[in-house]
Amino acid sequence: MTTEVIQTHKGRTSYFDGGLAQYIGWSILGFLVTVCTLGVCFPWAVTMIYRWKINHTVIEGKRMNFNGSAIGLFGNWIKWWILTVITIGIYGFWVFIKLEDWKAKHTTFMN
C-alpha cells in the first residue's frame, strides 16, 4: 500500500513558496552575470532563475523540479542565435516558444 503525501500551504494544494528578496537577488545576479559576460552566460542566468521559480512551485500538492542545465541550453541558444541571424531575425519569433518548450521538457514533479 502506498501513501501519497500532499503538501499544503494555508489550506491550498497549489502554491508558490518563494520570497520577494530571493527573487530580487536571483534576478540581480542573473542580470550582472549576463552583462559582465556580454551575454555569453545568458543561458546560465535563465536556468538559474527558472530553477528557483520551479523549485518553489507546488501544483496539487506535488512539488515541481527543474533539471535543465546551462550547458544544455547553451547549445540550443547558439543554434537559435545562428538561425535568427541566417533568417535575418525571422526565426527570433520562434525562440521564445523554443525556450518555453525546452523549459517544459526539463520540468518534472519531485513526488
PDB file of N, CA and C in Angstrom:
ATOM      1  N   MET A   1       0.843  -1.161   0.000  1.00  0.00           N
ATOM      2  CA  MET A   1       0.000   0.000   0.000  1.00  0.00           C
ATOM      3  C   MET A   1       0.898   1.237   0.000  1.00  0.00           C
ATOM      4  N   THR A   2       0.641   2.149  -0.920  1.00  0.00           N
ATOM      5  CA  THR A   2       1.417   3.377  -0.983  1.00  0.00           C
ATOM      6  C   THR A   2       0.571   4.535  -0.462  1.00  0.00           C
ATOM      7  N   THR A   3       1.224   5.391   0.272  1.00  0.00           N
ATOM      8  CA  THR A   3       0.539   6.582   0.751  1.00  0.00           C
ATOM      9  C   THR A   3       1.155   7.788   0.084  1.00  0.00           C
ATOM     10  N   GLU A   4       0.313   8.616  -0.462  1.00  0.00           N
ATOM     11  CA  GLU A   4       0.779   9.799  -1.168  1.00  0.00           C
ATOM     12  C   GLU A   4       0.675  10.997  -0.236  1.00  0.00           C
ATOM     13  N   VAL A   5       1.794  11.700  -0.079  1.00  0.00           N
ATOM     14  CA  VAL A   5       1.827  12.876   0.772  1.00  0.00           C
ATOM     15  C   VAL A   5       1.499  14.094  -0.087  1.00  0.00           C
ATOM     16  N   ILE A   6       0.473  14.835   0.316  1.00  0.00           N
ATOM     17  CA  ILE A   6       0.082  16.039  -0.413  1.00  0.00           C
ATOM     18  C   ILE A   6       0.465  17.247   0.422  1.00  0.00           C
ATOM     19  N   GLN A   7       1.348  18.077  -0.151  1.00  0.00           N
ATOM     20  CA  GLN A   7       1.797  19.272   0.546  1.00  0.00           C
ATOM     21  C   GLN A   7       0.713  20.345   0.469  1.00  0.00           C
ATOM     22  N   THR A   8       0.519  21.066   1.561  1.00  0.00           N
ATOM     23  CA  THR A   8      -0.431  22.174   1.555  1.00  0.00           C
ATOM     24  C   THR A   8       0.224  23.400   2.176  1.00  0.00           C
ATOM     25  N   HIS A   9      -0.306  24.545   1.827  1.00  0.00           N
ATOM     26  CA  HIS A   9       0.181  25.819   2.361  1.00  0.00           C
ATOM     27  C   HIS A   9      -1.035  26.725   2.510  1.00  0.00           C
ATOM     28  N   LYS A  10      -1.362  27.081   3.750  1.00  0.00           N
ATOM     29  CA  LYS A  10      -2.525  27.925   4.038  1.00  0.00           C
ATOM     30  C   LYS A  10      -3.807  27.317   3.460  1.00  0.00           C
ATOM     31  N   GLY A  11      -3.887  25.990   3.542  1.00  0.00           N
ATOM     32  CA  GLY A  11      -5.075  25.286   3.080  1.00  0.00           C
ATOM     33  C   GLY A  11      -5.158  25.077   1.581  1.00  0.00           C
ATOM     34  N   ARG A  12      -4.130  25.451   0.855  1.00  0.00           N
ATOM     35  CA  ARG A  12      -4.147  25.286  -0.605  1.00  0.00           C
ATOM     36  C   ARG A  12      -3.187  24.177  -1.005  1.00  0.00           C
ATOM     37  N   THR A  13      -3.527  23.467  -2.076  1.00  0.00           N
ATOM     38  CA  THR A  13      -2.644  22.409  -2.562  1.00  0.00           C
ATOM     39  C   THR A  13      -1.749  22.898  -3.703  1.00  0.00           C
ATOM     40  N   SER A  14      -2.058  24.039  -4.303  1.00  0.00           N
ATOM     41  CA  SER A  14      -1.211  24.632  -5.346  1.00  0.00           C
ATOM     42  C   SER A  14      -0.763  25.999  -4.856  1.00  0.00           C
ATOM     43  N   TYR A  15       0.548  26.201  -4.815  1.00  0.00           N
ATOM     44  CA  TYR A  15       1.075  27.458  -4.296  1.00  0.00           C
ATOM     45  C   TYR A  15       2.523  27.663  -4.709  1.00  0.00           C
ATOM     46  N   PHE A  16       2.992  28.888  -4.492  1.00  0.00           N
ATOM     47  CA  PHE A  16       4.380  29.255  -4.744  1.00  0.00           C
ATOM     48  C   PHE A  16       4.946  29.726  -3.415  1.00  0.00           C
ATOM     49  N   ASP A  17       6.072  29.159  -2.967  1.00  0.00           N
ATOM     50  CA  ASP A  17       6.601  29.496  -1.649  1.00  0.00           C
ATOM     51  C   ASP A  17       7.942  30.233  -1.682  1.00  0.00           C
ATOM     52  N   GLY A  18       8.272  30.838  -2.805  1.00  0.00           N
ATOM     53  CA  GLY A  18       9.481  31.653  -2.885  1.00  0.00           C
ATOM     54  C   GLY A  18       9.215  33.046  -2.331  1.00  0.00           C
ATOM     55  N   GLY A  19      10.270  33.754  -1.971  1.00  0.00           N
ATOM     56  CA  GLY A  19      10.134  35.077  -1.396  1.00  0.00           C
ATOM     57  C   GLY A  19      10.611  36.178  -2.331  1.00  0.00           C
ATOM     58  N   LEU A  20      10.137  37.387  -2.069  1.00  0.00           N
ATOM     59  CA  LEU A  20      10.489  38.535  -2.903  1.00  0.00           C
ATOM     60  C   LEU A  20      11.983  38.840  -2.850  1.00  0.00           C
ATOM     61  N   ALA A  21      12.580  38.805  -1.668  1.00  0.00           N
ATOM     62  CA  ALA A  21      14.014  39.097  -1.544  1.00  0.00           C
ATOM     63  C   ALA A  21      14.844  38.094  -2.345  1.00  0.00           C
ATOM     64  N   GLN A  22      14.451  36.824  -2.308  1.00  0.00           N
ATOM     65  CA  GLN A  22      15.156  35.804  -3.093  1.00  0.00           C
ATOM     66  C   GLN A  22      15.033  36.104  -4.585  1.00  0.00           C
ATOM     67  N   TYR A  23      13.818  36.445  -5.017  1.00  0.00           N
ATOM     68  CA  TYR A  23      13.592  36.727  -6.440  1.00  0.00           C
ATOM     69  C   TYR A  23      14.442  37.920  -6.900  1.00  0.00           C
ATOM     70  N   ILE A  24      14.450  38.967  -6.106  1.00  0.00           N
ATOM     71  CA  ILE A  24      15.248  40.148  -6.452  1.00  0.00           C
ATOM     72  C   ILE A  24      16.732  39.777  -6.513  1.00  0.00           C
ATOM     73  N   GLY A  25      17.204  39.015  -5.537  1.00  0.00           N
ATOM     74  CA  GLY A  25      18.609  38.599  -5.517  1.00  0.00           C
ATOM     75  C   GLY A  25      18.992  37.770  -6.728  1.00  0.00           C
ATOM     76  N   TRP A  26      18.183  36.765  -7.052  1.00  0.00           N
ATOM     77  CA  TRP A  26      18.478  35.925  -8.218  1.00  0.00           C
ATOM     78  C   TRP A  26      18.419  36.726  -9.512  1.00  0.00           C
ATOM     79  N   SER A  27      17.453  37.647  -9.601  1.00  0.00           N
ATOM     80  CA  SER A  27      17.320  38.472 -10.814  1.00  0.00           C
ATOM     81  C   SER A  27      18.518  39.401 -10.985  1.00  0.00           C
ATOM     82  N   ILE A  28      18.955  40.022  -9.913  1.00  0.00           N
ATOM     83  CA  ILE A  28      20.130  40.902  -9.983  1.00  0.00           C
ATOM     84  C   ILE A  28      21.369  40.096 -10.355  1.00  0.00           C
ATOM     85  N   LEU A  29      21.539  38.936  -9.731  1.00  0.00           N
ATOM     86  CA  LEU A  29      22.683  38.084 -10.060  1.00  0.00           C
ATOM     87  C   LEU A  29      22.646  37.665 -11.531  1.00  0.00           C
ATOM     88  N   GLY A  30      21.488  37.255 -12.024  1.00  0.00           N
ATOM     89  CA  GLY A  30      21.358  36.876 -13.429  1.00  0.00           C
ATOM     90  C   GLY A  30      21.676  38.025 -14.365  1.00  0.00           C
ATOM     91  N   PHE A  31      21.200  39.227 -14.026  1.00  0.00           N
ATOM     92  CA  PHE A  31      21.475  40.408 -14.834  1.00  0.00           C
ATOM     93  C   PHE A  31      22.972  40.712 -14.851  1.00  0.00           C
ATOM     94  N   LEU A  32      23.595  40.700 -13.685  1.00  0.00           N
ATOM     95  CA  LEU A  32      25.029  41.012 -13.601  1.00  0.00           C
ATOM     96  C   LEU A  32      25.876  40.002 -14.365  1.00  0.00           C
ATOM     97  N   VAL A  33      25.533  38.725 -14.231  1.00  0.00           N
ATOM     98  CA  VAL A  33      26.276  37.684 -14.954  1.00  0.00           C
ATOM     99  C   VAL A  33      26.136  37.881 -16.459  1.00  0.00           C
ATOM    100  N   THR A  34      24.934  38.189 -16.907  1.00  0.00           N
ATOM    101  CA  THR A  34      24.700  38.393 -18.335  1.00  0.00           C
ATOM    102  C   THR A  34      25.467  39.610 -18.850  1.00  0.00           C
ATOM    103  N   VAL A  35      25.399  40.714 -18.133  1.00  0.00           N
ATOM    104  CA  VAL A  35      26.072  41.942 -18.561  1.00  0.00           C
ATOM    105  C   VAL A  35      27.593  41.780 -18.519  1.00  0.00           C
ATOM    106  N   CYS A  36      28.112  41.210 -17.451  1.00  0.00           N
ATOM    107  CA  CYS A  36      29.570  41.076 -17.301  1.00  0.00           C
ATOM    108  C   CYS A  36      30.185  40.126 -18.323  1.00  0.00           C
ATOM    109  N   THR A  37      29.397  39.176 -18.820  1.00  0.00           N
ATOM    110  CA  THR A  37      29.923  38.241 -19.823  1.00  0.00           C
ATOM    111  C   THR A  37      29.459  38.603 -21.233  1.00  0.00           C
ATOM    112  N   LEU A  38      28.907  39.810 -21.380  1.00  0.00           N
ATOM    113  CA  LEU A  38      28.416  40.290 -22.674  1.00  0.00           C
ATOM    114  C   LEU A  38      27.401  39.329 -23.299  1.00  0.00           C
ATOM    115  N   GLY A  39      26.590  38.709 -22.467  1.00  0.00           N
ATOM    116  CA  GLY A  39      25.516  37.835 -22.934  1.00  0.00           C
ATOM    117  C   GLY A  39      25.887  36.375 -23.099  1.00  0.00           C
ATOM    118  N   VAL A  40      27.168  36.056 -22.994  1.00  0.00           N
ATOM    119  CA  VAL A  40      27.597  34.664 -23.188  1.00  0.00           C
ATOM    120  C   VAL A  40      26.966  33.746 -22.141  1.00  0.00           C
ATOM    121  N   CYS A  41      26.853  34.223 -20.916  1.00  0.00           N
ATOM    122  CA  CYS A  41      26.291  33.390 -19.843  1.00  0.00           C
ATOM    123  C   CYS A  41      24.797  33.600 -19.640  1.00  0.00           C
ATOM    124  N   PHE A  42      24.120  34.171 -20.634  1.00  0.00           N
ATOM    125  CA  PHE A  42      22.680  34.354 -20.528  1.00  0.00           C
ATOM    126  C   PHE A  42      21.951  33.033 -20.272  1.00  0.00           C
ATOM    127  N   PRO A  43      22.310  31.921 -20.954  1.00  0.00           N
ATOM    128  CA  PRO A  43      21.644  30.648 -20.651  1.00  0.00           C
ATOM    129  C   PRO A  43      21.796  30.235 -19.183  1.00  0.00           C
ATOM    130  N   TRP A  44      22.940  30.541 -18.581  1.00  0.00           N
ATOM    131  CA  TRP A  44      23.119  30.220 -17.166  1.00  0.00           C
ATOM    132  C   TRP A  44      22.163  31.042 -16.312  1.00  0.00           C
ATOM    133  N   ALA A  45      22.015  32.329 -16.632  1.00  0.00           N
ATOM    134  CA  ALA A  45      21.103  33.193 -15.887  1.00  0.00           C
ATOM    135  C   ALA A  45      19.665  32.707 -16.024  1.00  0.00           C
ATOM    136  N   VAL A  46      19.277  32.315 -17.232  1.00  0.00           N
ATOM    137  CA  VAL A  46      17.911  31.820 -17.464  1.00  0.00           C
ATOM    138  C   VAL A  46      17.654  30.567 -16.641  1.00  0.00           C
ATOM    139  N   THR A  47      18.567  29.598 -16.693  1.00  0.00           N
ATOM    140  CA  THR A  47      18.351  28.355 -15.956  1.00  0.00           C
ATOM    141  C   THR A  47      18.384  28.576 -14.448  1.00  0.00           C
ATOM    142  N   MET A  48      19.216  29.478 -13.979  1.00  0.00           N
ATOM    143  CA  MET A  48      19.319  29.754 -12.556  1.00  0.00           C
ATOM    144  C   MET A  48      18.003  30.335 -12.024  1.00  0.00           C
ATOM    145  N   ILE A  49      17.465  31.313 -12.715  1.00  0.00           N
ATOM    146  CA  ILE A  49      16.227  31.961 -12.269  1.00  0.00           C
ATOM    147  C   ILE A  49      15.040  31.021 -12.438  1.00  0.00           C
ATOM    148  N   TYR A  50      14.985  30.321 -13.553  1.00  0.00           N
ATOM    149  CA  TYR A  50      13.872  29.397 -13.773  1.00  0.00           C
ATOM    150  C   TYR A  50      13.902  28.249 -12.767  1.00  0.00           C
ATOM    151  N   ARG A  51      15.080  27.743 -12.435  1.00  0.00           N
ATOM    152  CA  ARG A  51      15.196  26.681 -11.427  1.00  0.00           C
ATOM    153  C   ARG A  51      14.631  27.162 -10.086  1.00  0.00           C
ATOM    154  N   TRP A  52      14.947  28.393  -9.707  1.00  0.00           N
ATOM    155  CA  TRP A  52      14.429  28.940  -8.455  1.00  0.00           C
ATOM    156  C   TRP A  52      12.903  29.000  -8.491  1.00  0.00           C
ATOM    157  N   LYS A  53      12.334  29.494  -9.599  1.00  0.00           N
ATOM    158  CA  LYS A  53      10.877  29.596  -9.714  1.00  0.00           C
ATOM    159  C   LYS A  53      10.214  28.224  -9.633  1.00  0.00           C
ATOM    160  N   ILE A  54      10.700  27.278 -10.411  1.00  0.00           N
ATOM    161  CA  ILE A  54      10.072  25.951 -10.466  1.00  0.00           C
ATOM    162  C   ILE A  54      10.252  25.206  -9.159  1.00  0.00           C
ATOM    163  N   ASN A  55      11.427  25.265  -8.561  1.00  0.00           N
ATOM    164  CA  ASN A  55      11.668  24.526  -7.320  1.00  0.00           C
ATOM    165  C   ASN A  55      10.889  25.090  -6.133  1.00  0.00           C
ATOM    166  N   HIS A  56      10.275  26.251  -6.291  1.00  0.00           N
ATOM    167  CA  HIS A  56       9.426  26.821  -5.245  1.00  0.00           C
ATOM    168  C   HIS A  56       7.937  26.738  -5.611  1.00  0.00           C
ATOM    169  N   THR A  57       7.608  25.925  -6.603  1.00  0.00           N
ATOM    170  CA  THR A  57       6.224  25.796  -7.045  1.00  0.00           C
ATOM    171  C   THR A  57       5.686  24.421  -6.685  1.00  0.00           C
ATOM    172  N   VAL A  58       4.483  24.396  -6.117  1.00  0.00           N
ATOM    173  CA  VAL A  58       3.787  23.156  -5.776  1.00  0.00           C
ATOM    174  C   VAL A  58       2.444  23.180  -6.505  1.00  0.00           C
ATOM    175  N   ILE A  59       2.157  22.142  -7.277  1.00  0.00           N
ATOM    176  CA  ILE A  59       0.900  22.022  -8.017  1.00  0.00           C
ATOM    177  C   ILE A  59       0.151  20.806  -7.495  1.00  0.00           C
ATOM    178  N   GLU A  60      -1.055  21.030  -6.998  1.00  0.00           N
ATOM    179  CA  GLU A  60      -1.898  19.980  -6.434  1.00  0.00           C
ATOM    180  C   GLU A  60      -1.127  19.082  -5.469  1.00  0.00           C
ATOM    181  N   GLY A  61      -0.337  19.715  -4.615  1.00  0.00           N
ATOM    182  CA  GLY A  61       0.402  19.000  -3.580  1.00  0.00           C
ATOM    183  C   GLY A  61       1.699  18.366  -4.023  1.00  0.00           C
ATOM    184  N   LYS A  62       2.057  18.521  -5.281  1.00  0.00           N
ATOM    185  CA  LYS A  62       3.287  17.919  -5.799  1.00  0.00           C
ATOM    186  C   LYS A  62       4.284  19.015  -6.147  1.00  0.00           C
ATOM    187  N   ARG A  63       5.438  18.973  -5.483  1.00  0.00           N
ATOM    188  CA  ARG A  63       6.484  19.963  -5.741  1.00  0.00           C
ATOM    189  C   ARG A  63       7.115  19.694  -7.094  1.00  0.00           C
ATOM    190  N   MET A  64       7.365  20.768  -7.815  1.00  0.00           N
ATOM    191  CA  MET A  64       7.970  20.648  -9.136  1.00  0.00           C
ATOM    192  C   MET A  64       9.487  20.722  -9.016  1.00  0.00           C
ATOM    193  N   ASN A  65      10.165  20.221 -10.054  1.00  0.00           N
ATOM    194  CA  ASN A  65      11.622  20.186 -10.084  1.00  0.00           C
ATOM    195  C   ASN A  65      12.097  20.518 -11.491  1.00  0.00           C
ATOM    196  N   PHE A  66      13.110  21.364 -11.581  1.00  0.00           N
ATOM    197  CA  PHE A  66      13.708  21.700 -12.869  1.00  0.00           C
ATOM    198  C   PHE A  66      15.071  21.045 -12.945  1.00  0.00           C
ATOM    199  N   ASN A  67      15.315  20.227 -13.986  1.00  0.00           N
ATOM    200  CA  ASN A  67      16.577  19.509 -14.096  1.00  0.00           C
ATOM    201  C   ASN A  67      17.400  19.917 -15.323  1.00  0.00           C
ATOM    202  N   GLY A  68      17.064  21.051 -15.928  1.00  0.00           N
ATOM    203  CA  GLY A  68      17.827  21.532 -17.080  1.00  0.00           C
ATOM    204  C   GLY A  68      19.160  22.121 -16.639  1.00  0.00           C
ATOM    205  N   SER A  69      20.101  22.178 -17.574  1.00  0.00           N
ATOM    206  CA  SER A  69      21.413  22.742 -17.255  1.00  0.00           C
ATOM    207  C   SER A  69      21.749  23.873 -18.222  1.00  0.00           C
ATOM    208  N   ALA A  70      22.613  24.753 -17.772  1.00  0.00           N
ATOM    209  CA  ALA A  70      23.043  25.867 -18.616  1.00  0.00           C
ATOM    210  C   ALA A  70      23.787  25.353 -19.847  1.00  0.00           C
ATOM    211  N   ILE A  71      24.552  24.289 -19.685  1.00  0.00           N
ATOM    212  CA  ILE A  71      25.285  23.707 -20.823  1.00  0.00           C
ATOM    213  C   ILE A  71      24.299  23.192 -21.874  1.00  0.00           C
ATOM    214  N   GLY A  72      23.253  22.514 -21.414  1.00  0.00           N
ATOM    215  CA  GLY A  72      22.234  22.014 -22.341  1.00  0.00           C
ATOM    216  C   GLY A  72      21.533  23.135 -23.083  1.00  0.00           C
ATOM    217  N   LEU A  73      21.230  24.215 -22.378  1.00  0.00           N
ATOM    218  CA  LEU A  73      20.571  25.351 -23.019  1.00  0.00           C
ATOM    219  C   LEU A  73      21.536  26.100 -23.921  1.00  0.00           C
ATOM    220  N   PHE A  74      22.808  26.150 -23.546  1.00  0.00           N
ATOM    221  CA  PHE A  74      23.788  26.899 -24.328  1.00  0.00           C
ATOM    222  C   PHE A  74      23.865  26.400 -25.768  1.00  0.00           C
ATOM    223  N   GLY A  75      23.884  25.089 -25.953  1.00  0.00           N
ATOM    224  CA  GLY A  75      23.924  24.527 -27.308  1.00  0.00           C
ATOM    225  C   GLY A  75      22.719  24.955 -28.132  1.00  0.00           C
ATOM    226  N   ASN A  76      21.547  24.879 -27.522  1.00  0.00           N
ATOM    227  CA  ASN A  76      20.332  25.320 -28.212  1.00  0.00           C
ATOM    228  C   ASN A  76      20.377  26.822 -28.484  1.00  0.00           C
ATOM    229  N   TRP A  77      20.858  27.572 -27.493  1.00  0.00           N
ATOM    230  CA  TRP A  77      20.907  29.026 -27.626  1.00  0.00           C
ATOM    231  C   TRP A  77      21.776  29.430 -28.816  1.00  0.00           C
ATOM    232  N   ILE A  78      22.917  28.790 -28.989  1.00  0.00           N
ATOM    233  CA  ILE A  78      23.792  29.074 -30.137  1.00  0.00           C
ATOM    234  C   ILE A  78      23.081  28.731 -31.441  1.00  0.00           C
ATOM    235  N   LYS A  79      22.438  27.571 -31.475  1.00  0.00           N
ATOM    236  CA  LYS A  79      21.705  27.141 -32.676  1.00  0.00           C
ATOM    237  C   LYS A  79      20.607  28.160 -33.010  1.00  0.00           C
ATOM    238  N   TRP A  80      19.841  28.573 -31.997  1.00  0.00           N
ATOM    239  CA  TRP A  80      18.749  29.530 -32.224  1.00  0.00           C
ATOM    240  C   TRP A  80      19.288  30.884 -32.675  1.00  0.00           C
ATOM    241  N   TRP A  81      20.412  31.291 -32.123  1.00  0.00           N
ATOM    242  CA  TRP A  81      21.016  32.566 -32.491  1.00  0.00           C
ATOM    243  C   TRP A  81      21.465  32.535 -33.953  1.00  0.00           C
ATOM    244  N   ILE A  82      22.112  31.439 -34.348  1.00  0.00           N
ATOM    245  CA  ILE A  82      22.567  31.298 -35.738  1.00  0.00           C
ATOM    246  C   ILE A  82      21.382  31.298 -36.695  1.00  0.00           C
ATOM    247  N   LEU A  83      20.316  30.552 -36.343  1.00  0.00           N
ATOM    248  CA  LEU A  83      19.130  30.530 -37.206  1.00  0.00           C
ATOM    249  C   LEU A  83      18.477  31.909 -37.294  1.00  0.00           C
ATOM    250  N   THR A  84      18.505  32.668 -36.224  1.00  0.00           N
ATOM    251  CA  THR A  84      17.951  34.025 -36.247  1.00  0.00           C
ATOM    252  C   THR A  84      18.767  34.925 -37.165  1.00  0.00           C
ATOM    253  N   VAL A  85      20.091  34.801 -37.098  1.00  0.00           N
ATOM    254  CA  VAL A  85      20.954  35.608 -37.972  1.00  0.00           C
ATOM    255  C   VAL A  85      20.750  35.220 -39.432  1.00  0.00           C
ATOM    256  N   ILE A  86      20.724  33.920 -39.723  1.00  0.00           N
ATOM    257  CA  ILE A  86      20.576  33.440 -41.103  1.00  0.00           C
ATOM    258  C   ILE A  86      19.246  33.902 -41.714  1.00  0.00           C
ATOM    259  N   THR A  87      18.186  33.908 -40.907  1.00  0.00           N
ATOM    260  CA  THR A  87      16.860  34.280 -41.417  1.00  0.00           C
ATOM    261  C   THR A  87      16.569  35.772 -41.242  1.00  0.00           C
ATOM    262  N   ILE A  88      17.607  36.548 -40.969  1.00  0.00           N
ATOM    263  CA  ILE A  88      17.502  37.999 -40.796  1.00  0.00           C
ATOM    264  C   ILE A  88      16.459  38.348 -39.736  1.00  0.00           C
ATOM    265  N   GLY A  89      16.493  37.611 -38.638  1.00  0.00           N
ATOM    266  CA  GLY A  89      15.643  37.911 -37.498  1.00  0.00           C
ATOM    267  C   GLY A  89      14.311  37.195 -37.451  1.00  0.00           C
ATOM    268  N   ILE A  90      13.888  36.586 -38.537  1.00  0.00           N
ATOM    269  CA  ILE A  90      12.564  35.954 -38.578  1.00  0.00           C
ATOM    270  C   ILE A  90      12.466  34.808 -37.571  1.00  0.00           C
ATOM    271  N   TYR A  91      13.506  33.981 -37.462  1.00  0.00           N
ATOM    272  CA  TYR A  91      13.462  32.852 -36.524  1.00  0.00           C
ATOM    273  C   TYR A  91      13.355  33.326 -35.076  1.00  0.00           C
ATOM    274  N   GLY A  92      13.753  34.553 -34.821  1.00  0.00           N
ATOM    275  CA  GLY A  92      13.668  35.113 -33.472  1.00  0.00           C
ATOM    276  C   GLY A  92      12.266  35.055 -32.891  1.00  0.00           C
ATOM    277  N   PHE A  93      11.244  35.093 -33.743  1.00  0.00           N
ATOM    278  CA  PHE A  93       9.869  34.989 -33.261  1.00  0.00           C
ATOM    279  C   PHE A  93       9.595  33.631 -32.627  1.00  0.00           C
ATOM    280  N   TRP A  94      10.314  32.601 -33.052  1.00  0.00           N
ATOM    281  CA  TRP A  94      10.107  31.252 -32.530  1.00  0.00           C
ATOM    282  C   TRP A  94      11.004  30.937 -31.334  1.00  0.00           C
ATOM    283  N   VAL A  95      11.998  31.756 -31.077  1.00  0.00           N
ATOM    284  CA  VAL A  95      12.935  31.468 -29.990  1.00  0.00           C
ATOM    285  C   VAL A  95      12.213  31.400 -28.644  1.00  0.00           C
ATOM    286  N   PHE A  96      11.284  32.316 -28.384  1.00  0.00           N
ATOM    287  CA  PHE A  96      10.538  32.284 -27.124  1.00  0.00           C
ATOM    288  C   PHE A  96       9.799  30.960 -26.967  1.00  0.00           C
ATOM    289  N   ILE A  97       9.165  30.494 -28.038  1.00  0.00           N
ATOM    290  CA  ILE A  97       8.422  29.225 -27.998  1.00  0.00           C
ATOM    291  C   ILE A  97       9.384  28.060 -27.770  1.00  0.00           C
ATOM    292  N   LYS A  98      10.510  28.076 -28.450  1.00  0.00           N
ATOM    293  CA  LYS A  98      11.513  27.016 -28.282  1.00  0.00           C
ATOM    294  C   LYS A  98      12.053  26.996 -26.859  1.00  0.00           C
ATOM    295  N   LEU A  99      12.282  28.176 -26.280  1.00  0.00           N
ATOM    296  CA  LEU A  99      12.777  28.252 -24.907  1.00  0.00           C
ATOM    297  C   LEU A  99      11.742  27.708 -23.925  1.00  0.00           C
ATOM    298  N   GLU A 100      10.476  28.056 -24.105  1.00  0.00           N
ATOM    299  CA  GLU A 100       9.421  27.538 -23.233  1.00  0.00           C
ATOM    300  C   GLU A 100       9.301  26.020 -23.366  1.00  0.00           C
ATOM    301  N   ASP A 101       9.444  25.507 -24.584  1.00  0.00           N
ATOM    302  CA  ASP A 101       9.392  24.059 -24.808  1.00  0.00           C
ATOM    303  C   ASP A 101      10.566  23.377 -24.110  1.00  0.00           C
ATOM    304  N   TRP A 102      11.754  23.986 -24.194  1.00  0.00           N
ATOM    305  CA  TRP A 102      12.932  23.425 -23.524  1.00  0.00           C
ATOM    306  C   TRP A 102      12.727  23.398 -22.023  1.00  0.00           C
ATOM    307  N   LYS A 103      12.170  24.475 -21.469  1.00  0.00           N
ATOM    308  CA  LYS A 103      11.902  24.525 -20.029  1.00  0.00           C
ATOM    309  C   LYS A 103      10.922  23.419 -19.629  1.00  0.00           C
ATOM    310  N   ALA A 104       9.840  23.265 -20.402  1.00  0.00           N
ATOM    311  CA  ALA A 104       8.837  22.242 -20.083  1.00  0.00           C
ATOM    312  C   ALA A 104       9.433  20.842 -20.155  1.00  0.00           C
ATOM    313  N   LYS A 105      10.314  20.623 -21.113  1.00  0.00           N
ATOM    314  CA  LYS A 105      10.965  19.316 -21.278  1.00  0.00           C
ATOM    315  C   LYS A 105      11.790  18.934 -20.053  1.00  0.00           C
ATOM    316  N   HIS A 106      12.312  19.929 -19.362  1.00  0.00           N
ATOM    317  CA  HIS A 106      13.180  19.688 -18.213  1.00  0.00           C
ATOM    318  C   HIS A 106      12.501  19.966 -16.871  1.00  0.00           C
ATOM    319  N   THR A 107      11.178  20.007 -16.864  1.00  0.00           N
ATOM    320  CA  THR A 107      10.427  20.250 -15.642  1.00  0.00           C
ATOM    321  C   THR A 107       9.627  18.995 -15.303  1.00  0.00           C
ATOM    322  N   THR A 108       9.778  18.520 -14.074  1.00  0.00           N
ATOM    323  CA  THR A 108       9.089  17.307 -13.629  1.00  0.00           C
ATOM    324  C   THR A 108       8.508  17.545 -12.229  1.00  0.00           C
ATOM    325  N   PHE A 109       7.808  16.553 -11.737  1.00  0.00           N
ATOM    326  CA  PHE A 109       7.339  16.568 -10.351  1.00  0.00           C
ATOM    327  C   PHE A 109       8.324  15.802  -9.493  1.00  0.00           C
ATOM    328  N   MET A 110       8.629  16.327  -8.313  1.00  0.00           N
ATOM    329  CA  MET A 110       9.556  15.643  -7.404  1.00  0.00           C
ATOM    330  C   MET A 110       8.900  14.446  -6.747  1.00  0.00           C
ATOM    331  N   ASN A 111       7.650  14.584  -6.352  1.00  0.00           N
ATOM    332  CA  ASN A 111       6.989  13.497  -5.621  1.00  0.00           C
ATOM    333  C   ASN A 111       5.685  13.132  -6.251  1.00  0.00           C
TER     334      ASN A 111
END
